[in-house]
Amino acid sequence: MAPKIHASKAGLIRDVLRKHEIACQLMGMALNLIDIYSLSELQRNTRERITKLKESGNPAVLTVNGQAELVIQSAEGYQKLIEDQQVLESIRSIGRGLEQARRKEGRPMREFLEALAGEHGFSLK
């Protein structure tokens, strides 16, 4: 028989995941980790769980002995997560660059490009 998650542990796991979900929403990422079930449950209902993961695109938490152990999601959902993370990293990089420009750090683009061209043995002139 599959181990059961005690109500208090399940509630704690859901509270932690809700806080994480709120943090992700504040960063512009939609993440919903409401699906929590045991590894044994996944083994018993694999097709149904995979179908649900594919349809929702949301990850699910798997527990082992009542403890959250793994997060699983569809390949398509994971790819979207990776793409969203790359966009977020790009936005942060642009923000850092703009902040450096406001502080008058760095050097003019033309100067940088001329130095780069020189390092590779050609001239921009």
C-alpha atoms as a PDB file:
ATOM      1  CA  MET A   1       0.000   0.000   0.000  1.00  0.00           C
ATOM      2  CA  ALA A   2       1.284   3.466  -0.897  1.00  0.00           C
ATOM      3  CA  PRO A   3       2.382   5.742   1.936  1.00  0.00           C
ATOM      4  CA  LYS A   4      -0.055   8.525   2.719  1.00  0.00           C
ATOM      5  CA  ILE A   5       0.917  12.143   3.214  1.00  0.00           C
ATOM      6  CA  HIS A   6      -0.215  13.359   6.597  1.00  0.00           C
ATOM      7  CA  ALA A   7      -2.638  16.257   6.292  1.00  0.00           C
ATOM      8  CA  SER A   8      -0.227  18.549   8.158  1.00  0.00           C
ATOM      9  CA  LYS A   9       2.666  17.706   5.800  1.00  0.00           C
ATOM     10  CA  ALA A  10       0.509  18.092   2.700  1.00  0.00           C
ATOM     11  CA  GLY A  11      -0.674  21.462   4.004  1.00  0.00           C
ATOM     12  CA  LEU A  12       2.886  22.574   4.693  1.00  0.00           C
ATOM     13  CA  ILE A  13       4.028  21.495   1.236  1.00  0.00           C
ATOM     14  CA  ARG A  14       1.134  23.375  -0.364  1.00  0.00           C
ATOM     15  CA  ASP A  15       1.911  26.515   1.695  1.00  0.00           C
ATOM     16  CA  VAL A  16       5.558  26.473   0.617  1.00  0.00           C
ATOM     17  CA  LEU A  17       4.594  25.917  -3.008  1.00  0.00           C
ATOM     18  CA  ARG A  18       2.005  28.714  -2.906  1.00  0.00           C
ATOM     19  CA  LYS A  19       4.676  31.114  -1.614  1.00  0.00           C
ATOM     20  CA  HIS A  20       6.964  30.002  -4.440  1.00  0.00           C
ATOM     21  CA  GLU A  21       4.125  30.444  -6.919  1.00  0.00           C
ATOM     22  CA  ILE A  22       3.526  34.004  -5.693  1.00  0.00           C
ATOM     23  CA  ALA A  23       7.237  34.814  -5.999  1.00  0.00           C
ATOM     24  CA  CYS A  24       7.275  33.437  -9.551  1.00  0.00           C
ATOM     25  CA  GLN A  25       4.196  35.478 -10.467  1.00  0.00           C
ATOM     26  CA  LEU A  26       5.914  38.619  -9.186  1.00  0.00           C
ATOM     27  CA  MET A  27       8.798  37.838 -11.521  1.00  0.00           C
ATOM     28  CA  GLY A  28       6.379  37.411 -14.421  1.00  0.00           C
ATOM     29  CA  MET A  29       6.471  33.632 -14.465  1.00  0.00           C
ATOM     30  CA  ALA A  30       3.251  31.672 -14.063  1.00  0.00           C
ATOM     31  CA  LEU A  31       3.892  28.571 -12.010  1.00  0.00           C
ATOM     32  CA  ASN A  32       1.226  26.408 -10.437  1.00  0.00           C
ATOM     33  CA  LEU A  33       2.378  23.515  -8.282  1.00  0.00           C
ATOM     34  CA  ILE A  34      -0.976  22.441  -6.885  1.00  0.00           C
ATOM     35  CA  ASP A  35      -0.654  18.870  -8.228  1.00  0.00           C
ATOM     36  CA  ILE A  36       1.004  16.881  -5.467  1.00  0.00           C
ATOM     37  CA  TYR A  37       0.922  13.104  -5.344  1.00  0.00           C
ATOM     38  CA  SER A  38       3.049  10.167  -4.309  1.00  0.00           C
ATOM     39  CA  LEU A  39       5.434   8.296  -6.525  1.00  0.00           C
ATOM     40  CA  SER A  40       3.272   5.214  -5.925  1.00  0.00           C
ATOM     41  CA  GLU A  41       0.233   7.135  -7.224  1.00  0.00           C
ATOM     42  CA  LEU A  42       2.194   8.022 -10.368  1.00  0.00           C
ATOM     43  CA  GLN A  43       3.126   4.385 -10.843  1.00  0.00           C
ATOM     44  CA  ARG A  44      -0.504   3.258 -10.459  1.00  0.00           C
ATOM     45  CA  ASN A  45      -1.949   5.926 -12.781  1.00  0.00           C
ATOM     46  CA  THR A  46       0.938   6.751 -15.111  1.00  0.00           C
ATOM     47  CA  ARG A  47      -1.078   7.353 -18.296  1.00  0.00           C
ATOM     48  CA  GLU A  48      -3.642   9.542 -16.547  1.00  0.00           C
ATOM     49  CA  ARG A  49      -0.940  11.633 -14.830  1.00  0.00           C
ATOM     50  CA  ILE A  50       1.092  12.048 -18.021  1.00  0.00           C
ATOM     51  CA  THR A  51      -2.024  13.142 -19.904  1.00  0.00           C
ATOM     52  CA  LYS A  52      -2.809  15.697 -17.194  1.00  0.00           C
ATOM     53  CA  LEU A  53       0.774  17.008 -17.235  1.00  0.00           C
ATOM     54  CA  LYS A  54       0.695  17.401 -21.010  1.00  0.00           C
ATOM     55  CA  GLU A  55      -2.706  19.087 -21.028  1.00  0.00           C
ATOM     56  CA  SER A  56      -1.946  21.562 -18.248  1.00  0.00           C
ATOM     57  CA  GLY A  57       1.706  22.218 -19.026  1.00  0.00           C
ATOM     58  CA  ASN A  58       2.135  22.672 -15.268  1.00  0.00           C
ATOM     59  CA  PRO A  59       4.621  20.747 -13.152  1.00  0.00           C
ATOM     60  CA  ALA A  60       3.621  18.336 -10.393  1.00  0.00           C
ATOM     61  CA  VAL A  61       5.331  17.450  -7.135  1.00  0.00           C
ATOM     62  CA  LEU A  62       6.009  13.794  -6.362  1.00  0.00           C
ATOM     63  CA  THR A  63       6.391  12.692  -2.780  1.00  0.00           C
ATOM     64  CA  VAL A  64       8.269   9.753  -1.306  1.00  0.00           C
ATOM     65  CA  ASN A  65       7.366   8.743   2.245  1.00  0.00           C
ATOM     66  CA  GLY A  66       5.339  11.920   2.615  1.00  0.00           C
ATOM     67  CA  GLN A  67       8.209  14.238   1.649  1.00  0.00           C
ATOM     68  CA  ALA A  68       8.375  16.292  -1.553  1.00  0.00           C
ATOM     69  CA  GLU A  69      11.192  14.704  -3.578  1.00  0.00           C
ATOM     70  CA  LEU A  70      10.728  15.453  -7.275  1.00  0.00           C
ATOM     71  CA  VAL A  71       9.089  17.886  -9.626  1.00  0.00           C
ATOM     72  CA  ILE A  72       7.978  16.520 -12.995  1.00  0.00           C
ATOM     73  CA  GLN A  73       6.437  18.150 -16.027  1.00  0.00           C
ATOM     74  CA  SER A  74       5.875  17.595 -19.713  1.00  0.00           C
ATOM     75  CA  ALA A  75       8.730  18.182 -22.124  1.00  0.00           C
ATOM     76  CA  GLU A  76       6.742  20.986 -23.780  1.00  0.00           C
ATOM     77  CA  GLY A  77       6.093  22.651 -20.415  1.00  0.00           C
ATOM     78  CA  TYR A  78       9.779  22.350 -19.507  1.00  0.00           C
ATOM     79  CA  GLN A  79      10.849  23.862 -22.837  1.00  0.00           C
ATOM     80  CA  LYS A  80       8.554  26.829 -22.227  1.00  0.00           C
ATOM     81  CA  LEU A  81      10.018  27.237 -18.741  1.00  0.00           C
ATOM     82  CA  ILE A  82      13.551  27.272 -20.186  1.00  0.00           C
ATOM     83  CA  GLU A  83      12.566  29.809 -22.844  1.00  0.00           C
ATOM     84  CA  ASP A  84      10.881  32.033 -20.250  1.00  0.00           C
ATOM     85  CA  GLN A  85      14.005  31.842 -18.073  1.00  0.00           C
ATOM     86  CA  GLN A  86      16.196  32.880 -21.011  1.00  0.00           C
ATOM     87  CA  VAL A  87      13.938  35.868 -21.720  1.00  0.00           C
ATOM     88  CA  LEU A  88      14.056  36.839 -18.041  1.00  0.00           C
ATOM     89  CA  GLU A  89      17.859  36.612 -18.026  1.00  0.00           C
ATOM     90  CA  SER A  90      18.024  38.794 -21.158  1.00  0.00           C
ATOM     91  CA  ILE A  91      15.773  41.410 -19.585  1.00  0.00           C
ATOM     92  CA  ARG A  92      17.926  41.443 -16.449  1.00  0.00           C
ATOM     93  CA  SER A  93      21.081  41.826 -18.555  1.00  0.00           C
ATOM     94  CA  ILE A  94      19.576  44.731 -20.462  1.00  0.00           C
ATOM     95  CA  GLY A  95      18.579  46.319 -17.156  1.00  0.00           C
ATOM     96  CA  ARG A  96      22.128  45.969 -15.821  1.00  0.00           C
ATOM     97  CA  GLY A  97      23.515  47.502 -19.005  1.00  0.00           C
ATOM     98  CA  LEU A  98      21.129  50.447 -18.817  1.00  0.00           C
ATOM     99  CA  GLU A  99      22.027  50.990 -15.165  1.00  0.00           C
ATOM    100  CA  GLN A 100      25.739  50.976 -16.028  1.00  0.00           C
ATOM    101  CA  ALA A 101      25.092  53.502 -18.796  1.00  0.00           C
ATOM    102  CA  ARG A 102      23.226  55.771 -16.342  1.00  0.00           C
ATOM    103  CA  ARG A 103      26.247  55.633 -14.035  1.00  0.00           C
ATOM    104  CA  LYS A 104      28.497  56.515 -17.004  1.00  0.00           C
ATOM    105  CA  GLU A 105      30.339  53.207 -16.721  1.00  0.00           C
ATOM    106  CA  GLY A 106      31.678  51.346 -19.701  1.00  0.00           C
ATOM    107  CA  ARG A 107      32.932  52.873 -22.916  1.00  0.00           C
ATOM    108  CA  PRO A 108      31.399  54.128 -26.133  1.00  0.00           C
ATOM    109  CA  MET A 109      30.238  51.443 -28.582  1.00  0.00           C
ATOM    110  CA  ARG A 110      32.524  52.713 -31.361  1.00  0.00           C
ATOM    111  CA  GLU A 111      35.566  52.451 -29.110  1.00  0.00           C
ATOM    112  CA  PHE A 112      34.629  48.916 -28.095  1.00  0.00           C
ATOM    113  CA  LEU A 113      34.021  47.792 -31.690  1.00  0.00           C
ATOM    114  CA  GLU A 114      37.340  49.243 -32.876  1.00  0.00           C
ATOM    115  CA  ALA A 115      39.193  47.425 -30.079  1.00  0.00           C
ATOM    116  CA  LEU A 116      37.367  44.183 -30.875  1.00  0.00           C
ATOM    117  CA  ALA A 117      38.144  44.496 -34.575  1.00  0.00           C
ATOM    118  CA  GLY A 118      41.797  45.167 -33.748  1.00  0.00           C
ATOM    119  CA  GLU A 119      41.966  42.025 -31.599  1.00  0.00           C
ATOM    120  CA  HIS A 120      40.794  40.007 -34.599  1.00  0.00           C
ATOM    121  CA  GLY A 121      43.116  41.665 -37.097  1.00  0.00           C
ATOM    122  CA  PHE A 122      40.842  43.980 -39.070  1.00  0.00           C
ATOM    123  CA  SER A 123      39.876  47.634 -39.077  1.00  0.00           C
ATOM    124  CA  LEU A 124      36.475  49.301 -39.113  1.00  0.00           C
ATOM    125  CA  LYS A 125      37.814  52.302 -41.066  1.00  0.00           C
END
